[in-house]
Amino acid sequence: MKKLINIKALLALGAILLNPIWIFSEIGIHTPNPQGVFNVDAGKNNNSLDEPTAIQQLDDFVVNASGNVGIGTTVPSKKLEIVTGGTDIAPVPGIKLNDGYQKPDYVLTSDADGVGIWKAPAVLMKQLSLSGTSTLAENIPVSKYAGVYVDLPLGRWAINLVVAMTFSNADAAYSIGNHFVRFRVEDDTNDHGVVGTDVSKDAVEPRLASASFGLS
């Protein structure tokens, strides 16, 4: 009899091993109503029966059945989706990566394998508003400081300057196109000699921009 009981026990164990029981469940932490395979409601404020509101989702972490991860949203549409609640009027940053490469104005750059680090952008575009006025005398052989400047970090830059000018000479003999102004970009605020000379080695050399102008 004892041996027979042992045999039945072995047969029962074998049946369990051959027919495993699959258990499906969703895990919710601080919520009885998980919105994905795994849902942490950090603020404990989700609705117990209905879907959480957009405001309630802001403190949630979710992994859905597709393996998408949502932070601040319970319905992530990508492998990682972050919602901070920011708007175009009041934006709220959603990512911070301190990897040692971070610096002001750097951008997150990927290599061929998709590994991203912070790098200086290949081209950095900035719109600058300069203010200042300068009165230019006629027929002067020197380069006069115009009273405006801009600070640029080390690197190679393409600078597009837009200058508004007015002609103040009351000479009645003036005609459109009989005057021109030359501009040059240098690395200091000093007046310089004849155009084409007296340029610092760090300046942008005497690159000249000539333009005729008329009386408006």
C-alpha atoms as a PDB file:
ATOM      1  CA  MET A   1       0.000   0.000   0.000  1.00  0.00           C
ATOM      2  CA  LYS A   2       2.779   2.416   0.847  1.00  0.00           C
ATOM      3  CA  LYS A   3       4.482   1.789  -2.488  1.00  0.00           C
ATOM      4  CA  LEU A   4       1.203   2.345  -4.330  1.00  0.00           C
ATOM      5  CA  ILE A   5       0.744   5.748  -2.667  1.00  0.00           C
ATOM      6  CA  ASN A   6       4.243   6.746  -3.666  1.00  0.00           C
ATOM      7  CA  ILE A   7       3.566   5.766  -7.263  1.00  0.00           C
ATOM      8  CA  LYS A   8       0.386   7.866  -7.370  1.00  0.00           C
ATOM      9  CA  ALA A   9       2.260  10.800  -5.912  1.00  0.00           C
ATOM     10  CA  LEU A  10       4.899  10.519  -8.581  1.00  0.00           C
ATOM     11  CA  LEU A  11       2.255  10.257 -11.290  1.00  0.00           C
ATOM     12  CA  ALA A  12       0.492  13.352  -9.970  1.00  0.00           C
ATOM     13  CA  LEU A  13       3.753  15.299  -9.879  1.00  0.00           C
ATOM     14  CA  GLY A  14       4.528  14.187 -13.410  1.00  0.00           C
ATOM     15  CA  ALA A  15       1.121  15.401 -14.599  1.00  0.00           C
ATOM     16  CA  ILE A  16       1.761  18.828 -13.070  1.00  0.00           C
ATOM     17  CA  LEU A  17       5.193  19.069 -14.679  1.00  0.00           C
ATOM     18  CA  LEU A  18       3.824  18.040 -18.075  1.00  0.00           C
ATOM     19  CA  ASN A  19       0.890  20.443 -17.877  1.00  0.00           C
ATOM     20  CA  PRO A  20       2.189  23.719 -16.442  1.00  0.00           C
ATOM     21  CA  ILE A  21      -0.337  26.274 -15.236  1.00  0.00           C
ATOM     22  CA  TRP A  22       0.044  29.691 -16.886  1.00  0.00           C
ATOM     23  CA  ILE A  23      -0.936  32.689 -14.758  1.00  0.00           C
ATOM     24  CA  PHE A  24      -1.663  35.999 -16.436  1.00  0.00           C
ATOM     25  CA  SER A  25      -1.787  39.149 -14.314  1.00  0.00           C
ATOM     26  CA  GLU A  26      -1.097  42.879 -14.337  1.00  0.00           C
ATOM     27  CA  ILE A  27       0.875  44.401 -11.514  1.00  0.00           C
ATOM     28  CA  GLY A  28      -0.151  47.711 -10.001  1.00  0.00           C
ATOM     29  CA  ILE A  29       1.737  49.512  -7.276  1.00  0.00           C
ATOM     30  CA  HIS A  30      -0.325  52.057  -5.338  1.00  0.00           C
ATOM     31  CA  THR A  31      -3.231  51.416  -7.710  1.00  0.00           C
ATOM     32  CA  PRO A  32      -5.889  48.664  -7.850  1.00  0.00           C
ATOM     33  CA  ASN A  33      -6.436  49.460 -11.527  1.00  0.00           C
ATOM     34  CA  PRO A  34      -3.103  48.987 -13.369  1.00  0.00           C
ATOM     35  CA  GLN A  35      -3.021  50.439 -16.870  1.00  0.00           C
ATOM     36  CA  GLY A  36      -0.380  48.111 -18.255  1.00  0.00           C
ATOM     37  CA  VAL A  37       1.577  44.988 -17.502  1.00  0.00           C
ATOM     38  CA  PHE A  38       3.350  47.031 -14.826  1.00  0.00           C
ATOM     39  CA  ASN A  39       2.046  50.328 -13.463  1.00  0.00           C
ATOM     40  CA  VAL A  40       3.433  52.428 -10.617  1.00  0.00           C
ATOM     41  CA  ASP A  41       1.117  55.224  -9.502  1.00  0.00           C
ATOM     42  CA  ALA A  42       3.608  57.197  -7.426  1.00  0.00           C
ATOM     43  CA  GLY A  43       1.056  59.797  -6.366  1.00  0.00           C
ATOM     44  CA  LYS A  44      -1.589  57.211  -5.416  1.00  0.00           C
ATOM     45  CA  ASN A  45      -4.137  59.358  -7.223  1.00  0.00           C
ATOM     46  CA  ASN A  46      -5.377  57.232 -10.145  1.00  0.00           C
ATOM     47  CA  ASN A  47      -9.035  56.371 -10.514  1.00  0.00           C
ATOM     48  CA  SER A  48      -9.814  52.969  -9.015  1.00  0.00           C
ATOM     49  CA  LEU A  49     -12.160  51.984 -11.854  1.00  0.00           C
ATOM     50  CA  ASP A  50     -11.732  54.354 -14.798  1.00  0.00           C
ATOM     51  CA  GLU A  51      -8.637  55.327 -16.761  1.00  0.00           C
ATOM     52  CA  PRO A  52      -6.540  58.010 -15.043  1.00  0.00           C
ATOM     53  CA  THR A  53      -6.793  61.557 -16.308  1.00  0.00           C
ATOM     54  CA  ALA A  54      -3.890  63.252 -18.049  1.00  0.00           C
ATOM     55  CA  ILE A  55      -3.056  65.083 -14.811  1.00  0.00           C
ATOM     56  CA  GLN A  56      -3.163  61.860 -12.788  1.00  0.00           C
ATOM     57  CA  GLN A  57      -0.850  60.140 -15.282  1.00  0.00           C
ATOM     58  CA  LEU A  58       1.949  62.656 -14.756  1.00  0.00           C
ATOM     59  CA  ASP A  59       3.266  60.722 -11.728  1.00  0.00           C
ATOM     60  CA  ASP A  60       2.867  57.275 -13.329  1.00  0.00           C
ATOM     61  CA  PHE A  61       5.377  54.779 -14.686  1.00  0.00           C
ATOM     62  CA  VAL A  62       4.017  52.144 -17.081  1.00  0.00           C
ATOM     63  CA  VAL A  63       5.234  49.184 -19.113  1.00  0.00           C
ATOM     64  CA  ASN A  64       2.552  48.057 -21.569  1.00  0.00           C
ATOM     65  CA  ALA A  65       2.002  44.782 -23.407  1.00  0.00           C
ATOM     66  CA  SER A  66       4.118  45.985 -26.346  1.00  0.00           C
ATOM     67  CA  GLY A  67       7.085  46.639 -24.080  1.00  0.00           C
ATOM     68  CA  ASN A  68       6.716  50.398 -24.403  1.00  0.00           C
ATOM     69  CA  VAL A  69       7.699  52.438 -21.354  1.00  0.00           C
ATOM     70  CA  GLY A  70       5.739  55.503 -20.343  1.00  0.00           C
ATOM     71  CA  ILE A  71       6.810  58.132 -17.817  1.00  0.00           C
ATOM     72  CA  GLY A  72       4.074  60.622 -17.151  1.00  0.00           C
ATOM     73  CA  THR A  73       1.723  58.727 -19.450  1.00  0.00           C
ATOM     74  CA  THR A  74      -0.060  55.357 -19.193  1.00  0.00           C
ATOM     75  CA  VAL A  75      -0.418  54.984 -22.964  1.00  0.00           C
ATOM     76  CA  PRO A  76       3.145  55.151 -24.380  1.00  0.00           C
ATOM     77  CA  SER A  77       3.240  54.882 -28.168  1.00  0.00           C
ATOM     78  CA  LYS A  78       7.018  54.419 -28.453  1.00  0.00           C
ATOM     79  CA  LYS A  79       9.654  52.374 -26.642  1.00  0.00           C
ATOM     80  CA  LEU A  80      10.132  55.362 -24.352  1.00  0.00           C
ATOM     81  CA  GLU A  81       7.661  58.221 -24.067  1.00  0.00           C
ATOM     82  CA  ILE A  82       7.996  60.996 -21.478  1.00  0.00           C
ATOM     83  CA  VAL A  83       5.237  63.470 -20.705  1.00  0.00           C
ATOM     84  CA  THR A  84       6.076  66.262 -18.256  1.00  0.00           C
ATOM     85  CA  GLY A  85       2.927  68.348 -18.490  1.00  0.00           C
ATOM     86  CA  GLY A  86       4.823  71.249 -20.041  1.00  0.00           C
ATOM     87  CA  THR A  87       3.314  73.473 -22.712  1.00  0.00           C
ATOM     88  CA  ASP A  88       4.677  75.789 -25.393  1.00  0.00           C
ATOM     89  CA  ILE A  89       4.045  78.679 -23.000  1.00  0.00           C
ATOM     90  CA  ALA A  90       5.435  76.948 -19.900  1.00  0.00           C
ATOM     91  CA  PRO A  91       7.738  74.108 -21.013  1.00  0.00           C
ATOM     92  CA  VAL A  92       8.976  71.545 -18.479  1.00  0.00           C
ATOM     93  CA  PRO A  93      12.212  69.627 -19.283  1.00  0.00           C
ATOM     94  CA  GLY A  94      11.822  65.870 -19.320  1.00  0.00           C
ATOM     95  CA  ILE A  95      15.333  64.483 -19.668  1.00  0.00           C
ATOM     96  CA  LYS A  96      18.662  65.049 -17.929  1.00  0.00           C
ATOM     97  CA  LEU A  97      21.787  63.138 -18.932  1.00  0.00           C
ATOM     98  CA  ASN A  98      24.972  63.766 -16.969  1.00  0.00           C
ATOM     99  CA  ASP A  99      27.570  61.644 -18.753  1.00  0.00           C
ATOM    100  CA  GLY A 100      30.552  63.961 -18.406  1.00  0.00           C
ATOM    101  CA  TYR A 101      30.212  65.300 -21.944  1.00  0.00           C
ATOM    102  CA  GLN A 102      27.438  67.795 -21.178  1.00  0.00           C
ATOM    103  CA  LYS A 103      28.185  71.447 -21.891  1.00  0.00           C
ATOM    104  CA  PRO A 104      26.094  74.527 -22.746  1.00  0.00           C
ATOM    105  CA  ASP A 105      24.629  74.410 -26.288  1.00  0.00           C
ATOM    106  CA  TYR A 106      25.740  70.788 -26.853  1.00  0.00           C
ATOM    107  CA  VAL A 107      23.329  68.395 -28.586  1.00  0.00           C
ATOM    108  CA  LEU A 108      22.720  64.680 -28.048  1.00  0.00           C
ATOM    109  CA  THR A 109      24.483  62.927 -30.934  1.00  0.00           C
ATOM    110  CA  SER A 110      24.280  59.261 -31.944  1.00  0.00           C
ATOM    111  CA  ASP A 111      27.017  57.081 -33.374  1.00  0.00           C
ATOM    112  CA  ALA A 112      26.448  54.286 -35.923  1.00  0.00           C
ATOM    113  CA  ASP A 113      25.316  51.911 -33.165  1.00  0.00           C
ATOM    114  CA  GLY A 114      22.788  54.339 -31.712  1.00  0.00           C
ATOM    115  CA  VAL A 115      24.901  55.229 -28.670  1.00  0.00           C
ATOM    116  CA  GLY A 116      24.290  58.872 -27.815  1.00  0.00           C
ATOM    117  CA  ILE A 117      26.560  61.391 -26.103  1.00  0.00           C
ATOM    118  CA  TRP A 118      26.585  65.169 -25.848  1.00  0.00           C
ATOM    119  CA  LYS A 119      28.594  66.882 -28.598  1.00  0.00           C
ATOM    120  CA  ALA A 120      29.060  70.347 -30.004  1.00  0.00           C
ATOM    121  CA  PRO A 121      26.740  70.785 -33.007  1.00  0.00           C
ATOM    122  CA  ALA A 122      28.314  70.722 -36.443  1.00  0.00           C
ATOM    123  CA  VAL A 123      26.568  74.015 -37.209  1.00  0.00           C
ATOM    124  CA  LEU A 124      25.313  76.328 -34.485  1.00  0.00           C
ATOM    125  CA  MET A 125      22.757  78.888 -35.573  1.00  0.00           C
ATOM    126  CA  LYS A 126      22.123  81.939 -33.428  1.00  0.00           C
ATOM    127  CA  GLN A 127      20.067  85.012 -34.093  1.00  0.00           C
ATOM    128  CA  LEU A 128      21.622  88.006 -32.433  1.00  0.00           C
ATOM    129  CA  SER A 129      20.178  91.432 -31.943  1.00  0.00           C
ATOM    130  CA  LEU A 130      22.839  94.136 -32.002  1.00  0.00           C
ATOM    131  CA  SER A 131      22.217  97.750 -31.205  1.00  0.00           C
ATOM    132  CA  GLY A 132      24.369 100.782 -31.723  1.00  0.00           C
ATOM    133  CA  THR A 133      24.922 103.676 -34.062  1.00  0.00           C
ATOM    134  CA  SER A 134      27.948 105.192 -35.710  1.00  0.00           C
ATOM    135  CA  THR A 135      28.354 108.250 -37.916  1.00  0.00           C
ATOM    136  CA  LEU A 136      30.770 107.653 -40.772  1.00  0.00           C
ATOM    137  CA  ALA A 137      32.723 110.471 -42.352  1.00  0.00           C
ATOM    138  CA  GLU A 138      33.182 110.538 -46.103  1.00  0.00           C
ATOM    139  CA  ASN A 139      36.362 109.531 -47.895  1.00  0.00           C
ATOM    140  CA  ILE A 140      38.256 108.251 -44.852  1.00  0.00           C
ATOM    141  CA  PRO A 141      41.213 105.879 -45.432  1.00  0.00           C
ATOM    142  CA  VAL A 142      40.829 104.020 -42.129  1.00  0.00           C
ATOM    143  CA  SER A 143      38.539 101.372 -40.685  1.00  0.00           C
ATOM    144  CA  LYS A 144      36.422 102.947 -37.922  1.00  0.00           C
ATOM    145  CA  TYR A 145      34.898 100.957 -35.042  1.00  0.00           C
ATOM    146  CA  ALA A 146      31.115 101.025 -35.541  1.00  0.00           C
ATOM    147  CA  GLY A 147      30.230 100.721 -31.865  1.00  0.00           C
ATOM    148  CA  VAL A 148      28.720  97.222 -31.917  1.00  0.00           C
ATOM    149  CA  TYR A 149      30.216  93.800 -31.253  1.00  0.00           C
ATOM    150  CA  VAL A 150      29.296  90.190 -30.569  1.00  0.00           C
ATOM    151  CA  ASP A 151      31.089  87.536 -28.471  1.00  0.00           C
ATOM    152  CA  LEU A 152      31.539  84.184 -30.222  1.00  0.00           C
ATOM    153  CA  PRO A 153      33.104  81.012 -28.784  1.00  0.00           C
ATOM    154  CA  LEU A 154      36.131  79.484 -30.457  1.00  0.00           C
ATOM    155  CA  GLY A 155      35.312  77.854 -33.753  1.00  0.00           C
ATOM    156  CA  ARG A 156      34.540  78.634 -37.377  1.00  0.00           C
ATOM    157  CA  TRP A 157      31.545  80.884 -37.983  1.00  0.00           C
ATOM    158  CA  ALA A 158      29.566  82.172 -40.941  1.00  0.00           C
ATOM    159  CA  ILE A 159      28.182  85.571 -40.002  1.00  0.00           C
ATOM    160  CA  ASN A 160      25.304  87.221 -41.820  1.00  0.00           C
ATOM    161  CA  LEU A 161      25.065  90.929 -41.007  1.00  0.00           C
ATOM    162  CA  VAL A 162      22.070  93.113 -41.749  1.00  0.00           C
ATOM    163  CA  VAL A 163      22.870  96.819 -41.399  1.00  0.00           C
ATOM    164  CA  ALA A 164      20.338  99.642 -41.642  1.00  0.00           C
ATOM    165  CA  MET A 165      21.856 102.884 -42.924  1.00  0.00           C
ATOM    166  CA  THR A 166      20.623 106.372 -43.629  1.00  0.00           C
ATOM    167  CA  PHE A 167      22.332 109.060 -45.711  1.00  0.00           C
ATOM    168  CA  SER A 168      22.519 112.394 -43.920  1.00  0.00           C
ATOM    169  CA  ASN A 169      24.486 114.475 -46.426  1.00  0.00           C
ATOM    170  CA  ALA A 170      22.385 117.395 -47.625  1.00  0.00           C
ATOM    171  CA  ASP A 171      24.509 117.816 -50.745  1.00  0.00           C
ATOM    172  CA  ALA A 172      22.059 118.566 -53.550  1.00  0.00           C
ATOM    173  CA  ALA A 173      24.433 116.968 -56.048  1.00  0.00           C
ATOM    174  CA  TYR A 174      24.007 113.558 -54.431  1.00  0.00           C
ATOM    175  CA  SER A 175      22.663 110.830 -56.719  1.00  0.00           C
ATOM    176  CA  ILE A 176      21.783 107.218 -56.015  1.00  0.00           C
ATOM    177  CA  GLY A 177      24.767 104.885 -56.266  1.00  0.00           C
ATOM    178  CA  ASN A 178      27.596 107.420 -56.035  1.00  0.00           C
ATOM    179  CA  HIS A 179      28.595 106.388 -52.497  1.00  0.00           C
ATOM    180  CA  PHE A 180      29.577 103.035 -51.039  1.00  0.00           C
ATOM    181  CA  VAL A 181      30.505 101.666 -47.626  1.00  0.00           C
ATOM    182  CA  ARG A 182      32.957  98.885 -46.842  1.00  0.00           C
ATOM    183  CA  PHE A 183      32.642  96.665 -43.768  1.00  0.00           C
ATOM    184  CA  ARG A 184      35.254  94.499 -42.173  1.00  0.00           C
ATOM    185  CA  VAL A 185      35.079  92.201 -39.144  1.00  0.00           C
ATOM    186  CA  GLU A 186      37.936  92.330 -36.662  1.00  0.00           C
ATOM    187  CA  ASP A 187      38.777  91.026 -33.210  1.00  0.00           C
ATOM    188  CA  ASP A 188      38.987  94.315 -31.299  1.00  0.00           C
ATOM    189  CA  THR A 189      37.263  97.675 -30.926  1.00  0.00           C
ATOM    190  CA  ASN A 190      40.103  99.828 -32.253  1.00  0.00           C
ATOM    191  CA  ASP A 191      40.200 101.916 -35.397  1.00  0.00           C
ATOM    192  CA  HIS A 192      42.555 100.442 -37.970  1.00  0.00           C
ATOM    193  CA  GLY A 193      44.678 101.644 -40.821  1.00  0.00           C
ATOM    194  CA  VAL A 194      44.132 101.550 -44.537  1.00  0.00           C
ATOM    195  CA  VAL A 195      41.811  98.774 -45.574  1.00  0.00           C
ATOM    196  CA  GLY A 196      43.863  95.693 -46.326  1.00  0.00           C
ATOM    197  CA  THR A 197      46.564  96.390 -43.732  1.00  0.00           C
ATOM    198  CA  ASP A 198      46.998  96.619 -39.982  1.00  0.00           C
ATOM    199  CA  VAL A 199      44.957  93.491 -39.172  1.00  0.00           C
ATOM    200  CA  SER A 200      45.533  91.290 -36.138  1.00  0.00           C
ATOM    201  CA  LYS A 201      46.487  87.678 -36.818  1.00  0.00           C
ATOM    202  CA  ASP A 202      43.330  86.623 -34.907  1.00  0.00           C
ATOM    203  CA  ALA A 203      41.027  88.814 -36.968  1.00  0.00           C
ATOM    204  CA  VAL A 204      38.911  87.551 -39.809  1.00  0.00           C
ATOM    205  CA  GLU A 205      41.407  89.142 -42.208  1.00  0.00           C
ATOM    206  CA  PRO A 206      40.238  92.108 -44.295  1.00  0.00           C
ATOM    207  CA  ARG A 207      37.174  90.435 -45.810  1.00  0.00           C
ATOM    208  CA  LEU A 208      35.368  93.396 -47.328  1.00  0.00           C
ATOM    209  CA  ALA A 209      31.656  93.863 -47.976  1.00  0.00           C
ATOM    210  CA  SER A 210      30.972  96.760 -50.313  1.00  0.00           C
ATOM    211  CA  ALA A 211      27.490  98.126 -50.986  1.00  0.00           C
ATOM    212  CA  SER A 212      26.032 101.105 -52.760  1.00  0.00           C
ATOM    213  CA  PHE A 213      23.102 102.828 -51.111  1.00  0.00           C
ATOM    214  CA  GLY A 214      20.594 105.443 -52.035  1.00  0.00           C
ATOM    215  CA  LEU A 215      18.804 108.238 -50.259  1.00  0.00           C
ATOM    216  CA  SER A 216      15.523 106.942 -48.853  1.00  0.00           C
END
